[in-house]
Amino acid sequence: MHPAIRILCFLITAGSGYGLKLFGQGGMTLFLLAIYLFINDLKLLPVLRMVYFMRWLFLSLLVLFGWFTPGVWLWPSLAAWSPTTTGVSLGLVRLLFLLNLLLMVGVLVQLTRREQIVHGLLFWLTPLRLVGLPPQRIAVRIGLVLDSMETLRSAAREALQRKEAGPWQLRISTLVAELVTKVEARAQEAGAAMIELPDSTLPAWYQWLYPLLLVVLSLFLHWG
């Protein structure tokens, strides 16, 4: 599939999740998990790591919506200490929406190389030439940011795996200094390296049917 079509399908799928009710969000979650199950190149572990890092955000959503939304108490015996059924439902909807976004990002990133992402972005940024903006430069900068994020994540994982003695303030400052040093070194390497843009090719006509099908499916889920 052409990278531009992949990016468009990702945006349509991500946007279609907005506004879905609880059962719709849950159905999308099951569908995305099935994709991870049946495609061998997809690994669920990186997504689970992101979910773990965002666990406090998920918990905050449940608390804010569950206990601060008016409605019928979920456990009447607890009275005012009980969350409301409406709040819990709204919190789960937001939680599943974020989870689905993480799953969709995992699909896009794991199945699309950085060069392909730059190629797809270059396709969609080409109209910026009409207003005097260079699409090649913007696409390359985004690609370098993605590469720096991967370098930063790998460096952070290696640093966290090491068991160092000393107070926690010293360990955090050492970790930050190490990450900054590696990011600066990676930026210098990227600046000196030759950036080669892929040849701009158009998607095959039939590939435009994929996002069209997603749009029809989205409309059916929202108004069907």
N, C-alpha and C. Protein backbone atom coordinates (compact mmCIF):
# COMPACT_ATOMS: atom_id res chain seq x y z
N MET A 1 0.84 -1.19 0.00
CA MET A 1 0.00 0.00 0.00
C MET A 1 0.88 1.24 0.00
N HIS A 2 0.49 2.24 -0.76
CA HIS A 2 1.25 3.49 -0.84
C HIS A 2 1.28 4.15 0.54
N PRO A 3 2.45 4.71 0.96
CA PRO A 3 2.53 5.33 2.29
C PRO A 3 1.51 6.45 2.50
N ALA A 4 1.21 7.21 1.45
CA ALA A 4 0.22 8.29 1.60
C ALA A 4 -1.15 7.72 1.92
N ILE A 5 -1.50 6.58 1.33
CA ILE A 5 -2.78 5.94 1.61
C ILE A 5 -2.79 5.40 3.04
N ARG A 6 -1.65 4.88 3.50
CA ARG A 6 -1.58 4.39 4.88
C ARG A 6 -1.82 5.52 5.87
N ILE A 7 -1.18 6.67 5.62
CA ILE A 7 -1.36 7.81 6.52
C ILE A 7 -2.81 8.29 6.50
N LEU A 8 -3.40 8.34 5.31
CA LEU A 8 -4.80 8.77 5.21
C LEU A 8 -5.73 7.80 5.93
N CYS A 9 -5.49 6.50 5.76
CA CYS A 9 -6.31 5.50 6.45
C CYS A 9 -6.17 5.62 7.96
N PHE A 10 -4.95 5.91 8.42
CA PHE A 10 -4.73 6.10 9.85
C PHE A 10 -5.53 7.29 10.37
N LEU A 11 -5.49 8.41 9.64
CA LEU A 11 -6.21 9.61 10.08
C LEU A 11 -7.72 9.38 10.08
N ILE A 12 -8.22 8.69 9.06
CA ILE A 12 -9.67 8.43 8.99
C ILE A 12 -10.09 7.51 10.13
N THR A 13 -9.30 6.46 10.37
CA THR A 13 -9.64 5.52 11.44
C THR A 13 -9.58 6.19 12.80
N ALA A 14 -8.55 7.02 13.01
CA ALA A 14 -8.44 7.73 14.29
C ALA A 14 -9.60 8.70 14.48
N GLY A 15 -9.96 9.41 13.42
CA GLY A 15 -11.09 10.34 13.53
C GLY A 15 -12.42 9.65 13.70
N SER A 16 -12.56 8.45 13.12
CA SER A 16 -13.83 7.74 13.22
C SER A 16 -14.12 7.29 14.65
N GLY A 17 -13.07 7.13 15.45
CA GLY A 17 -13.29 6.72 16.83
C GLY A 17 -13.87 7.80 17.71
N TYR A 18 -13.72 9.06 17.28
CA TYR A 18 -14.24 10.17 18.09
C TYR A 18 -15.77 10.19 18.00
N GLY A 19 -16.40 10.22 19.14
CA GLY A 19 -17.86 10.28 19.17
C GLY A 19 -18.54 8.93 19.30
N LEU A 20 -17.78 7.84 19.21
CA LEU A 20 -18.38 6.52 19.38
C LEU A 20 -18.76 6.29 20.84
N LYS A 21 -19.81 5.52 21.05
CA LYS A 21 -20.23 5.16 22.40
C LYS A 21 -19.36 4.03 22.93
N LEU A 22 -19.71 3.55 24.11
CA LEU A 22 -18.88 2.57 24.79
C LEU A 22 -18.75 1.29 23.98
N PHE A 23 -19.87 0.76 23.45
CA PHE A 23 -19.80 -0.49 22.71
C PHE A 23 -19.04 -0.30 21.40
N GLY A 24 -19.17 0.88 20.78
CA GLY A 24 -18.42 1.15 19.56
C GLY A 24 -16.92 1.19 19.81
N GLN A 25 -16.52 1.87 20.90
CA GLN A 25 -15.10 1.92 21.24
C GLN A 25 -14.56 0.54 21.59
N GLY A 26 -15.35 -0.23 22.33
CA GLY A 26 -14.92 -1.58 22.67
C GLY A 26 -14.79 -2.47 21.45
N GLY A 27 -15.74 -2.33 20.50
CA GLY A 27 -15.64 -3.11 19.27
C GLY A 27 -14.42 -2.75 18.46
N MET A 28 -14.07 -1.45 18.42
CA MET A 28 -12.86 -1.04 17.69
C MET A 28 -11.61 -1.58 18.37
N THR A 29 -11.61 -1.61 19.70
CA THR A 29 -10.47 -2.18 20.43
C THR A 29 -10.28 -3.65 20.09
N LEU A 30 -11.37 -4.41 20.08
CA LEU A 30 -11.27 -5.83 19.74
C LEU A 30 -10.80 -6.02 18.30
N PHE A 31 -11.27 -5.17 17.40
CA PHE A 31 -10.85 -5.25 16.00
C PHE A 31 -9.36 -4.99 15.85
N LEU A 32 -8.85 -3.96 16.55
CA LEU A 32 -7.42 -3.65 16.47
C LEU A 32 -6.58 -4.74 17.10
N LEU A 33 -7.05 -5.30 18.22
CA LEU A 33 -6.31 -6.41 18.84
C LEU A 33 -6.28 -7.63 17.91
N ALA A 34 -7.36 -7.85 17.17
CA ALA A 34 -7.36 -8.96 16.20
C ALA A 34 -6.33 -8.73 15.10
N ILE A 35 -6.15 -7.46 14.69
CA ILE A 35 -5.12 -7.16 13.68
C ILE A 35 -3.74 -7.52 14.22
N TYR A 36 -3.46 -7.19 15.47
CA TYR A 36 -2.18 -7.55 16.07
C TYR A 36 -2.02 -9.06 16.17
N LEU A 37 -3.11 -9.76 16.35
CA LEU A 37 -3.05 -11.21 16.51
C LEU A 37 -2.75 -11.91 15.19
N PHE A 38 -3.30 -11.41 14.09
CA PHE A 38 -3.20 -12.11 12.82
C PHE A 38 -2.07 -11.61 11.92
N ILE A 39 -1.45 -10.49 12.25
CA ILE A 39 -0.33 -10.00 11.46
C ILE A 39 0.95 -10.24 12.25
N ASN A 40 1.81 -11.08 11.72
CA ASN A 40 3.00 -11.50 12.46
C ASN A 40 3.99 -10.37 12.70
N ASP A 41 4.02 -9.39 11.80
CA ASP A 41 4.98 -8.30 11.95
C ASP A 41 4.61 -7.31 13.04
N LEU A 42 3.41 -7.40 13.56
CA LEU A 42 2.96 -6.49 14.61
C LEU A 42 3.22 -7.08 15.99
N LYS A 43 3.82 -6.28 16.85
CA LYS A 43 4.11 -6.68 18.21
C LYS A 43 3.30 -5.81 19.17
N LEU A 44 2.61 -6.45 20.09
CA LEU A 44 1.76 -5.73 21.04
C LEU A 44 2.55 -5.18 22.21
N LEU A 45 3.72 -5.73 22.48
CA LEU A 45 4.49 -5.31 23.65
C LEU A 45 4.84 -3.82 23.64
N PRO A 46 5.30 -3.23 22.52
CA PRO A 46 5.57 -1.78 22.55
C PRO A 46 4.35 -0.95 22.91
N VAL A 47 3.17 -1.36 22.45
CA VAL A 47 1.95 -0.63 22.79
C VAL A 47 1.65 -0.77 24.28
N LEU A 48 1.86 -1.97 24.82
CA LEU A 48 1.62 -2.17 26.24
C LEU A 48 2.56 -1.33 27.09
N ARG A 49 3.79 -1.12 26.60
CA ARG A 49 4.72 -0.25 27.32
C ARG A 49 4.19 1.18 27.34
N MET A 50 3.67 1.65 26.21
CA MET A 50 3.09 3.00 26.18
C MET A 50 1.89 3.11 27.11
N VAL A 51 1.08 2.06 27.15
CA VAL A 51 -0.07 2.06 28.06
C VAL A 51 0.42 2.13 29.51
N TYR A 52 1.49 1.40 29.81
CA TYR A 52 2.03 1.42 31.17
C TYR A 52 2.53 2.82 31.55
N PHE A 53 3.21 3.49 30.62
CA PHE A 53 3.70 4.83 30.90
C PHE A 53 2.57 5.84 31.07
N MET A 54 1.41 5.56 30.45
CA MET A 54 0.27 6.48 30.52
C MET A 54 -0.77 6.02 31.54
N ARG A 55 -0.42 5.10 32.42
CA ARG A 55 -1.38 4.49 33.33
C ARG A 55 -2.03 5.52 34.24
N TRP A 56 -1.25 6.53 34.67
CA TRP A 56 -1.82 7.53 35.57
C TRP A 56 -2.81 8.43 34.83
N LEU A 57 -2.58 8.66 33.55
CA LEU A 57 -3.55 9.41 32.76
C LEU A 57 -4.86 8.65 32.65
N PHE A 58 -4.77 7.34 32.38
CA PHE A 58 -5.97 6.52 32.29
C PHE A 58 -6.73 6.51 33.62
N LEU A 59 -5.98 6.35 34.71
CA LEU A 59 -6.62 6.34 36.03
C LEU A 59 -7.27 7.70 36.33
N SER A 60 -6.60 8.79 35.94
CA SER A 60 -7.16 10.12 36.17
C SER A 60 -8.46 10.32 35.41
N LEU A 61 -8.52 9.80 34.19
CA LEU A 61 -9.76 9.91 33.41
C LEU A 61 -10.91 9.21 34.09
N LEU A 62 -10.65 8.00 34.59
CA LEU A 62 -11.71 7.26 35.27
C LEU A 62 -12.17 7.97 36.54
N VAL A 63 -11.21 8.53 37.29
CA VAL A 63 -11.57 9.22 38.54
C VAL A 63 -12.34 10.50 38.24
N LEU A 64 -11.85 11.30 37.29
CA LEU A 64 -12.48 12.58 37.00
C LEU A 64 -13.91 12.38 36.47
N PHE A 65 -14.06 11.46 35.53
CA PHE A 65 -15.40 11.24 34.98
C PHE A 65 -16.28 10.45 35.94
N GLY A 66 -15.70 9.45 36.60
CA GLY A 66 -16.51 8.58 37.45
C GLY A 66 -17.06 9.27 38.67
N TRP A 67 -16.23 10.12 39.33
CA TRP A 67 -16.64 10.70 40.60
C TRP A 67 -17.11 12.15 40.48
N PHE A 68 -16.93 12.77 39.32
CA PHE A 68 -17.30 14.19 39.19
C PHE A 68 -18.35 14.42 38.11
N THR A 69 -18.99 13.35 37.64
CA THR A 69 -20.08 13.47 36.68
C THR A 69 -21.40 13.16 37.38
N PRO A 70 -22.35 14.06 37.31
CA PRO A 70 -23.65 13.78 37.97
C PRO A 70 -24.34 12.57 37.35
N GLY A 71 -25.11 11.89 38.16
CA GLY A 71 -25.84 10.74 37.65
C GLY A 71 -26.23 9.80 38.78
N VAL A 72 -26.64 8.60 38.38
CA VAL A 72 -27.05 7.57 39.35
C VAL A 72 -25.81 6.90 39.91
N TRP A 73 -25.78 6.72 41.24
CA TRP A 73 -24.63 6.09 41.88
C TRP A 73 -24.49 4.65 41.41
N LEU A 74 -23.25 4.26 41.15
CA LEU A 74 -22.98 2.89 40.73
C LEU A 74 -23.15 1.94 41.91
N TRP A 75 -22.71 2.35 43.10
CA TRP A 75 -22.89 1.57 44.33
C TRP A 75 -23.64 2.44 45.33
N PRO A 76 -24.94 2.34 45.36
CA PRO A 76 -25.75 3.23 46.24
C PRO A 76 -25.38 3.14 47.71
N SER A 77 -24.87 2.00 48.13
CA SER A 77 -24.53 1.85 49.55
C SER A 77 -23.40 2.79 49.96
N LEU A 78 -22.57 3.21 49.00
CA LEU A 78 -21.46 4.13 49.31
C LEU A 78 -21.89 5.58 49.25
N ALA A 79 -23.09 5.82 48.77
CA ALA A 79 -23.63 7.19 48.67
C ALA A 79 -22.69 8.09 47.89
N ALA A 80 -22.29 9.22 48.48
CA ALA A 80 -21.50 10.22 47.75
C ALA A 80 -20.10 9.72 47.40
N TRP A 81 -19.64 8.66 48.04
CA TRP A 81 -18.32 8.11 47.73
C TRP A 81 -18.34 7.22 46.50
N SER A 82 -19.50 6.95 45.97
CA SER A 82 -19.63 6.04 44.83
C SER A 82 -19.51 6.82 43.51
N PRO A 83 -18.87 6.24 42.52
CA PRO A 83 -18.91 6.86 41.18
C PRO A 83 -20.30 6.71 40.58
N THR A 84 -20.58 7.48 39.57
CA THR A 84 -21.88 7.39 38.89
C THR A 84 -21.75 6.50 37.66
N THR A 85 -22.87 5.89 37.29
CA THR A 85 -22.86 5.02 36.12
C THR A 85 -22.54 5.81 34.85
N THR A 86 -23.08 7.02 34.76
CA THR A 86 -22.80 7.86 33.60
C THR A 86 -21.33 8.24 33.55
N GLY A 87 -20.76 8.59 34.70
CA GLY A 87 -19.35 8.98 34.75
C GLY A 87 -18.41 7.84 34.38
N VAL A 88 -18.70 6.63 34.92
CA VAL A 88 -17.86 5.48 34.59
C VAL A 88 -17.93 5.17 33.10
N SER A 89 -19.14 5.26 32.53
CA SER A 89 -19.30 5.01 31.10
C SER A 89 -18.52 6.02 30.27
N LEU A 90 -18.62 7.30 30.63
CA LEU A 90 -17.87 8.33 29.89
C LEU A 90 -16.36 8.16 30.06
N GLY A 91 -15.92 7.80 31.26
CA GLY A 91 -14.50 7.58 31.48
C GLY A 91 -13.96 6.42 30.67
N LEU A 92 -14.73 5.32 30.62
CA LEU A 92 -14.29 4.17 29.83
C LEU A 92 -14.25 4.50 28.34
N VAL A 93 -15.19 5.33 27.88
CA VAL A 93 -15.18 5.74 26.47
C VAL A 93 -13.89 6.49 26.14
N ARG A 94 -13.52 7.46 27.00
CA ARG A 94 -12.29 8.22 26.76
C ARG A 94 -11.06 7.33 26.88
N LEU A 95 -11.06 6.41 27.84
CA LEU A 95 -9.93 5.51 28.02
C LEU A 95 -9.75 4.62 26.80
N LEU A 96 -10.84 4.03 26.31
CA LEU A 96 -10.75 3.16 25.15
C LEU A 96 -10.37 3.93 23.89
N PHE A 97 -10.81 5.18 23.80
CA PHE A 97 -10.44 6.01 22.65
C PHE A 97 -8.93 6.23 22.61
N LEU A 98 -8.33 6.56 23.76
CA LEU A 98 -6.88 6.73 23.82
C LEU A 98 -6.16 5.41 23.54
N LEU A 99 -6.68 4.32 24.09
CA LEU A 99 -6.08 3.01 23.84
C LEU A 99 -6.13 2.66 22.36
N ASN A 100 -7.24 2.96 21.71
CA ASN A 100 -7.34 2.68 20.27
C ASN A 100 -6.36 3.53 19.47
N LEU A 101 -6.15 4.77 19.89
CA LEU A 101 -5.17 5.62 19.21
C LEU A 101 -3.77 5.02 19.33
N LEU A 102 -3.42 4.54 20.52
CA LEU A 102 -2.11 3.92 20.71
C LEU A 102 -1.97 2.67 19.84
N LEU A 103 -3.02 1.87 19.75
CA LEU A 103 -2.98 0.68 18.92
C LEU A 103 -2.83 1.04 17.44
N MET A 104 -3.52 2.10 17.00
CA MET A 104 -3.42 2.51 15.60
C MET A 104 -2.04 3.09 15.29
N VAL A 105 -1.49 3.87 16.22
CA VAL A 105 -0.14 4.38 16.02
C VAL A 105 0.86 3.23 15.92
N GLY A 106 0.67 2.21 16.76
CA GLY A 106 1.55 1.04 16.69
C GLY A 106 1.49 0.34 15.35
N VAL A 107 0.28 0.22 14.79
CA VAL A 107 0.14 -0.41 13.47
C VAL A 107 0.87 0.40 12.41
N LEU A 108 0.68 1.72 12.42
CA LEU A 108 1.30 2.57 11.41
C LEU A 108 2.82 2.55 11.53
N VAL A 109 3.34 2.69 12.75
CA VAL A 109 4.79 2.80 12.93
C VAL A 109 5.48 1.46 12.66
N GLN A 110 4.88 0.36 13.10
CA GLN A 110 5.54 -0.93 12.93
C GLN A 110 5.49 -1.45 11.50
N LEU A 111 4.48 -1.07 10.75
CA LEU A 111 4.36 -1.55 9.37
C LEU A 111 4.90 -0.57 8.34
N THR A 112 5.34 0.60 8.79
CA THR A 112 5.80 1.62 7.86
C THR A 112 7.18 2.11 8.29
N ARG A 113 8.15 1.98 7.41
CA ARG A 113 9.49 2.46 7.71
C ARG A 113 9.53 3.98 7.70
N ARG A 114 10.59 4.52 8.28
CA ARG A 114 10.70 5.98 8.35
C ARG A 114 10.73 6.59 6.95
N GLU A 115 11.44 5.96 6.02
CA GLU A 115 11.51 6.48 4.66
C GLU A 115 10.14 6.50 4.01
N GLN A 116 9.32 5.49 4.31
CA GLN A 116 7.98 5.44 3.74
C GLN A 116 7.10 6.53 4.34
N ILE A 117 7.26 6.80 5.64
CA ILE A 117 6.49 7.87 6.27
C ILE A 117 6.84 9.22 5.65
N VAL A 118 8.14 9.43 5.42
CA VAL A 118 8.57 10.68 4.78
C VAL A 118 7.98 10.77 3.37
N HIS A 119 7.97 9.64 2.66
CA HIS A 119 7.39 9.62 1.32
C HIS A 119 5.91 9.99 1.35
N GLY A 120 5.17 9.39 2.28
CA GLY A 120 3.75 9.69 2.38
C GLY A 120 3.49 11.13 2.78
N LEU A 121 4.28 11.65 3.72
CA LEU A 121 4.11 13.05 4.12
C LEU A 121 4.44 13.99 2.97
N LEU A 122 5.45 13.64 2.20
CA LEU A 122 5.83 14.49 1.07
C LEU A 122 4.69 14.57 0.06
N PHE A 123 3.96 13.47 -0.12
CA PHE A 123 2.83 13.48 -1.03
C PHE A 123 1.76 14.46 -0.57
N TRP A 124 1.44 14.43 0.73
CA TRP A 124 0.36 15.28 1.24
C TRP A 124 0.81 16.73 1.44
N LEU A 125 2.12 16.96 1.58
CA LEU A 125 2.62 18.31 1.79
C LEU A 125 2.93 19.04 0.49
N THR A 126 2.87 18.34 -0.63
CA THR A 126 3.19 18.96 -1.91
C THR A 126 2.38 20.22 -2.21
N PRO A 127 1.06 20.28 -1.89
CA PRO A 127 0.31 21.52 -2.16
C PRO A 127 0.83 22.76 -1.43
N LEU A 128 1.70 22.58 -0.41
CA LEU A 128 2.25 23.73 0.29
C LEU A 128 3.14 24.58 -0.60
N ARG A 129 3.58 24.00 -1.72
CA ARG A 129 4.38 24.79 -2.66
C ARG A 129 3.60 26.00 -3.18
N LEU A 130 2.28 25.88 -3.20
CA LEU A 130 1.46 26.97 -3.72
C LEU A 130 1.55 28.22 -2.84
N VAL A 131 1.89 28.02 -1.56
CA VAL A 131 2.01 29.17 -0.65
C VAL A 131 3.47 29.45 -0.31
N GLY A 132 4.38 28.85 -1.06
CA GLY A 132 5.79 29.15 -0.89
C GLY A 132 6.52 28.36 0.16
N LEU A 133 5.93 27.31 0.70
CA LEU A 133 6.58 26.48 1.72
C LEU A 133 7.21 25.25 1.07
N PRO A 134 8.44 24.89 1.47
CA PRO A 134 9.12 23.74 0.87
C PRO A 134 8.65 22.42 1.49
N PRO A 135 7.88 21.59 0.80
CA PRO A 135 7.40 20.34 1.39
C PRO A 135 8.52 19.36 1.70
N GLN A 136 9.60 19.37 0.87
CA GLN A 136 10.70 18.43 1.13
C GLN A 136 11.35 18.70 2.48
N ARG A 137 11.58 19.99 2.77
CA ARG A 137 12.24 20.32 4.03
C ARG A 137 11.37 19.93 5.22
N ILE A 138 10.07 20.17 5.13
CA ILE A 138 9.18 19.83 6.24
C ILE A 138 9.13 18.31 6.44
N ALA A 139 9.03 17.56 5.33
CA ALA A 139 8.96 16.10 5.43
C ALA A 139 10.24 15.54 6.04
N VAL A 140 11.39 16.08 5.62
CA VAL A 140 12.67 15.61 6.16
C VAL A 140 12.79 15.92 7.65
N ARG A 141 12.36 17.10 8.05
CA ARG A 141 12.42 17.45 9.48
C ARG A 141 11.55 16.52 10.32
N ILE A 142 10.37 16.20 9.82
CA ILE A 142 9.51 15.26 10.56
C ILE A 142 10.17 13.89 10.65
N GLY A 143 10.79 13.45 9.55
CA GLY A 143 11.50 12.17 9.57
C GLY A 143 12.64 12.16 10.56
N LEU A 144 13.39 13.27 10.65
CA LEU A 144 14.48 13.35 11.62
C LEU A 144 13.96 13.36 13.05
N VAL A 145 12.82 13.98 13.27
CA VAL A 145 12.20 13.97 14.61
C VAL A 145 11.82 12.55 15.00
N LEU A 146 11.23 11.81 14.06
CA LEU A 146 10.88 10.41 14.34
C LEU A 146 12.12 9.58 14.66
N ASP A 147 13.19 9.84 13.92
CA ASP A 147 14.43 9.11 14.18
C ASP A 147 15.00 9.48 15.54
N SER A 148 14.93 10.76 15.91
CA SER A 148 15.44 11.18 17.22
C SER A 148 14.62 10.60 18.35
N MET A 149 13.30 10.46 18.14
CA MET A 149 12.45 9.86 19.17
C MET A 149 12.84 8.41 19.41
N GLU A 150 13.15 7.68 18.35
CA GLU A 150 13.57 6.29 18.50
C GLU A 150 14.90 6.21 19.25
N THR A 151 15.83 7.13 18.92
CA THR A 151 17.11 7.16 19.62
C THR A 151 16.92 7.49 21.09
N LEU A 152 16.06 8.45 21.38
CA LEU A 152 15.80 8.85 22.76
C LEU A 152 15.16 7.72 23.54
N ARG A 153 14.22 7.02 22.94
CA ARG A 153 13.55 5.92 23.62
C ARG A 153 14.53 4.79 23.93
N SER A 154 15.40 4.45 22.98
CA SER A 154 16.38 3.39 23.20
C SER A 154 17.37 3.78 24.29
N ALA A 155 17.82 5.04 24.26
CA ALA A 155 18.76 5.48 25.28
C ALA A 155 18.12 5.48 26.67
N ALA A 156 16.87 5.91 26.74
CA ALA A 156 16.17 5.92 28.03
C ALA A 156 15.98 4.51 28.57
N ARG A 157 15.65 3.58 27.67
CA ARG A 157 15.45 2.20 28.11
C ARG A 157 16.76 1.61 28.64
N GLU A 158 17.88 1.88 27.96
CA GLU A 158 19.17 1.37 28.41
C GLU A 158 19.56 1.97 29.75
N ALA A 159 19.30 3.27 29.90
CA ALA A 159 19.67 3.94 31.16
C ALA A 159 18.83 3.44 32.33
N LEU A 160 17.54 3.20 32.09
CA LEU A 160 16.67 2.75 33.17
C LEU A 160 16.97 1.32 33.59
N GLN A 161 17.54 0.53 32.67
CA GLN A 161 17.86 -0.85 33.00
C GLN A 161 19.10 -0.96 33.88
N ARG A 162 19.90 0.06 33.89
CA ARG A 162 21.10 0.03 34.72
C ARG A 162 20.74 0.35 36.17
N LYS A 163 21.33 -0.35 37.08
CA LYS A 163 21.10 -0.14 38.51
C LYS A 163 22.26 0.68 39.07
N GLU A 164 22.01 1.96 39.29
CA GLU A 164 23.06 2.84 39.79
C GLU A 164 22.74 3.26 41.22
N ALA A 165 23.81 3.37 42.00
CA ALA A 165 23.65 3.76 43.40
C ALA A 165 23.59 5.28 43.50
N GLY A 166 23.12 5.76 44.65
CA GLY A 166 23.07 7.19 44.88
C GLY A 166 21.65 7.67 45.06
N PRO A 167 21.49 8.91 45.51
CA PRO A 167 20.15 9.47 45.71
C PRO A 167 19.41 9.59 44.38
N TRP A 168 18.08 9.60 44.45
CA TRP A 168 17.28 9.61 43.23
C TRP A 168 17.46 10.91 42.45
N GLN A 169 17.74 12.03 43.15
CA GLN A 169 17.97 13.27 42.42
C GLN A 169 19.20 13.18 41.52
N LEU A 170 20.26 12.54 42.03
CA LEU A 170 21.48 12.39 41.24
C LEU A 170 21.25 11.45 40.07
N ARG A 171 20.47 10.38 40.28
CA ARG A 171 20.22 9.44 39.19
C ARG A 171 19.40 10.10 38.08
N ILE A 172 18.41 10.92 38.46
CA ILE A 172 17.60 11.60 37.44
C ILE A 172 18.44 12.60 36.65
N SER A 173 19.25 13.40 37.36
CA SER A 173 20.08 14.38 36.65
C SER A 173 21.09 13.70 35.73
N THR A 174 21.63 12.56 36.15
CA THR A 174 22.56 11.82 35.29
C THR A 174 21.84 11.28 34.06
N LEU A 175 20.62 10.77 34.27
CA LEU A 175 19.85 10.25 33.14
C LEU A 175 19.53 11.35 32.14
N VAL A 176 19.08 12.52 32.62
CA VAL A 176 18.76 13.63 31.72
C VAL A 176 19.99 14.09 30.96
N ALA A 177 21.13 14.21 31.66
CA ALA A 177 22.36 14.64 30.99
C ALA A 177 22.78 13.64 29.91
N GLU A 178 22.64 12.35 30.20
CA GLU A 178 23.00 11.33 29.22
C GLU A 178 22.10 11.38 28.00
N LEU A 179 20.80 11.57 28.24
CA LEU A 179 19.85 11.64 27.12
C LEU A 179 20.12 12.86 26.24
N VAL A 180 20.40 14.00 26.88
CA VAL A 180 20.70 15.22 26.11
C VAL A 180 21.95 15.04 25.28
N THR A 181 22.96 14.40 25.85
CA THR A 181 24.20 14.18 25.11
C THR A 181 23.98 13.29 23.90
N LYS A 182 23.20 12.23 24.08
CA LYS A 182 22.96 11.32 22.96
C LYS A 182 22.11 11.97 21.88
N VAL A 183 21.12 12.75 22.28
CA VAL A 183 20.28 13.43 21.29
C VAL A 183 21.10 14.44 20.49
N GLU A 184 22.00 15.19 21.18
CA GLU A 184 22.84 16.14 20.47
C GLU A 184 23.78 15.43 19.50
N ALA A 185 24.36 14.30 19.94
CA ALA A 185 25.23 13.54 19.04
C ALA A 185 24.47 13.01 17.84
N ARG A 186 23.25 12.55 18.07
CA ARG A 186 22.43 12.04 16.96
C ARG A 186 22.05 13.16 16.00
N ALA A 187 21.78 14.36 16.54
CA ALA A 187 21.44 15.49 15.69
C ALA A 187 22.62 15.90 14.81
N GLN A 188 23.84 15.86 15.38
CA GLN A 188 25.02 16.19 14.58
C GLN A 188 25.25 15.16 13.48
N GLU A 189 25.03 13.89 13.80
CA GLU A 189 25.17 12.86 12.78
C GLU A 189 24.15 13.04 11.67
N ALA A 190 22.91 13.37 12.06
CA ALA A 190 21.86 13.56 11.06
C ALA A 190 22.15 14.77 10.18
N GLY A 191 22.72 15.83 10.80
CA GLY A 191 23.03 17.01 10.02
C GLY A 191 24.13 16.77 9.02
N ALA A 192 25.09 15.90 9.37
CA ALA A 192 26.20 15.62 8.46
C ALA A 192 25.85 14.56 7.44
N ALA A 193 24.82 13.76 7.71
CA ALA A 193 24.48 12.66 6.81
C ALA A 193 23.73 13.19 5.59
N MET A 194 23.78 12.43 4.53
CA MET A 194 23.07 12.78 3.31
C MET A 194 21.62 12.33 3.42
N ILE A 195 20.70 13.24 3.30
CA ILE A 195 19.28 12.93 3.37
C ILE A 195 18.78 12.72 1.95
N GLU A 196 18.32 11.52 1.68
CA GLU A 196 17.86 11.18 0.34
C GLU A 196 16.35 11.02 0.36
N LEU A 197 15.66 11.86 -0.38
CA LEU A 197 14.22 11.77 -0.46
C LEU A 197 13.81 10.72 -1.48
N PRO A 198 12.77 9.94 -1.18
CA PRO A 198 12.31 8.94 -2.15
C PRO A 198 11.66 9.61 -3.35
N ASP A 199 11.64 8.86 -4.44
CA ASP A 199 10.96 9.37 -5.63
C ASP A 199 9.47 9.51 -5.37
N SER A 200 8.93 10.62 -5.83
CA SER A 200 7.50 10.89 -5.61
C SER A 200 6.69 10.10 -6.62
N THR A 201 5.93 9.14 -6.12
CA THR A 201 5.05 8.34 -6.98
C THR A 201 3.62 8.49 -6.51
N LEU A 202 2.70 8.31 -7.42
CA LEU A 202 1.29 8.42 -7.09
C LEU A 202 0.73 7.06 -6.69
N PRO A 203 -0.23 7.03 -5.76
CA PRO A 203 -0.86 5.76 -5.40
C PRO A 203 -1.64 5.19 -6.59
N ALA A 204 -1.73 3.88 -6.64
CA ALA A 204 -2.57 3.24 -7.65
C ALA A 204 -4.02 3.64 -7.41
N TRP A 205 -4.78 3.73 -8.50
CA TRP A 205 -6.14 4.26 -8.40
C TRP A 205 -7.00 3.43 -7.46
N TYR A 206 -6.81 2.10 -7.47
CA TYR A 206 -7.67 1.25 -6.64
C TYR A 206 -7.38 1.40 -5.16
N GLN A 207 -6.20 1.92 -4.80
CA GLN A 207 -5.88 2.08 -3.38
C GLN A 207 -6.71 3.18 -2.73
N TRP A 208 -7.25 4.10 -3.54
CA TRP A 208 -8.11 5.13 -2.98
C TRP A 208 -9.44 4.55 -2.50
N LEU A 209 -9.72 3.29 -2.88
CA LEU A 209 -10.94 2.65 -2.40
C LEU A 209 -10.84 2.30 -0.92
N TYR A 210 -9.61 2.09 -0.41
CA TYR A 210 -9.44 1.75 1.00
C TYR A 210 -9.92 2.88 1.93
N PRO A 211 -9.42 4.10 1.77
CA PRO A 211 -9.95 5.17 2.64
C PRO A 211 -11.42 5.45 2.40
N LEU A 212 -11.89 5.28 1.15
CA LEU A 212 -13.31 5.48 0.89
C LEU A 212 -14.14 4.47 1.66
N LEU A 213 -13.68 3.22 1.70
CA LEU A 213 -14.38 2.19 2.46
C LEU A 213 -14.38 2.52 3.95
N LEU A 214 -13.28 3.05 4.45
CA LEU A 214 -13.22 3.43 5.86
C LEU A 214 -14.18 4.57 6.17
N VAL A 215 -14.31 5.51 5.26
CA VAL A 215 -15.26 6.61 5.46
C VAL A 215 -16.69 6.08 5.52
N VAL A 216 -17.03 5.16 4.61
CA VAL A 216 -18.38 4.58 4.61
C VAL A 216 -18.62 3.81 5.91
N LEU A 217 -17.61 3.05 6.35
CA LEU A 217 -17.75 2.29 7.60
C LEU A 217 -17.90 3.23 8.79
N SER A 218 -17.15 4.34 8.78
CA SER A 218 -17.26 5.31 9.86
C SER A 218 -18.66 5.92 9.93
N LEU A 219 -19.19 6.28 8.77
CA LEU A 219 -20.54 6.85 8.73
C LEU A 219 -21.57 5.85 9.22
N PHE A 220 -21.35 4.58 8.89
CA PHE A 220 -22.29 3.54 9.34
C PHE A 220 -22.22 3.39 10.86
N LEU A 221 -21.03 3.45 11.44
CA LEU A 221 -20.90 3.29 12.88
C LEU A 221 -21.51 4.46 13.64
N HIS A 222 -21.45 5.65 13.05
CA HIS A 222 -21.95 6.83 13.75
C HIS A 222 -23.44 7.05 13.55
N TRP A 223 -23.93 6.73 12.36
CA TRP A 223 -25.33 7.03 12.05
C TRP A 223 -26.13 5.81 11.59
N GLY A 224 -25.49 4.63 11.66
CA GLY A 224 -26.18 3.43 11.21
C GLY A 224 -27.20 2.94 12.23
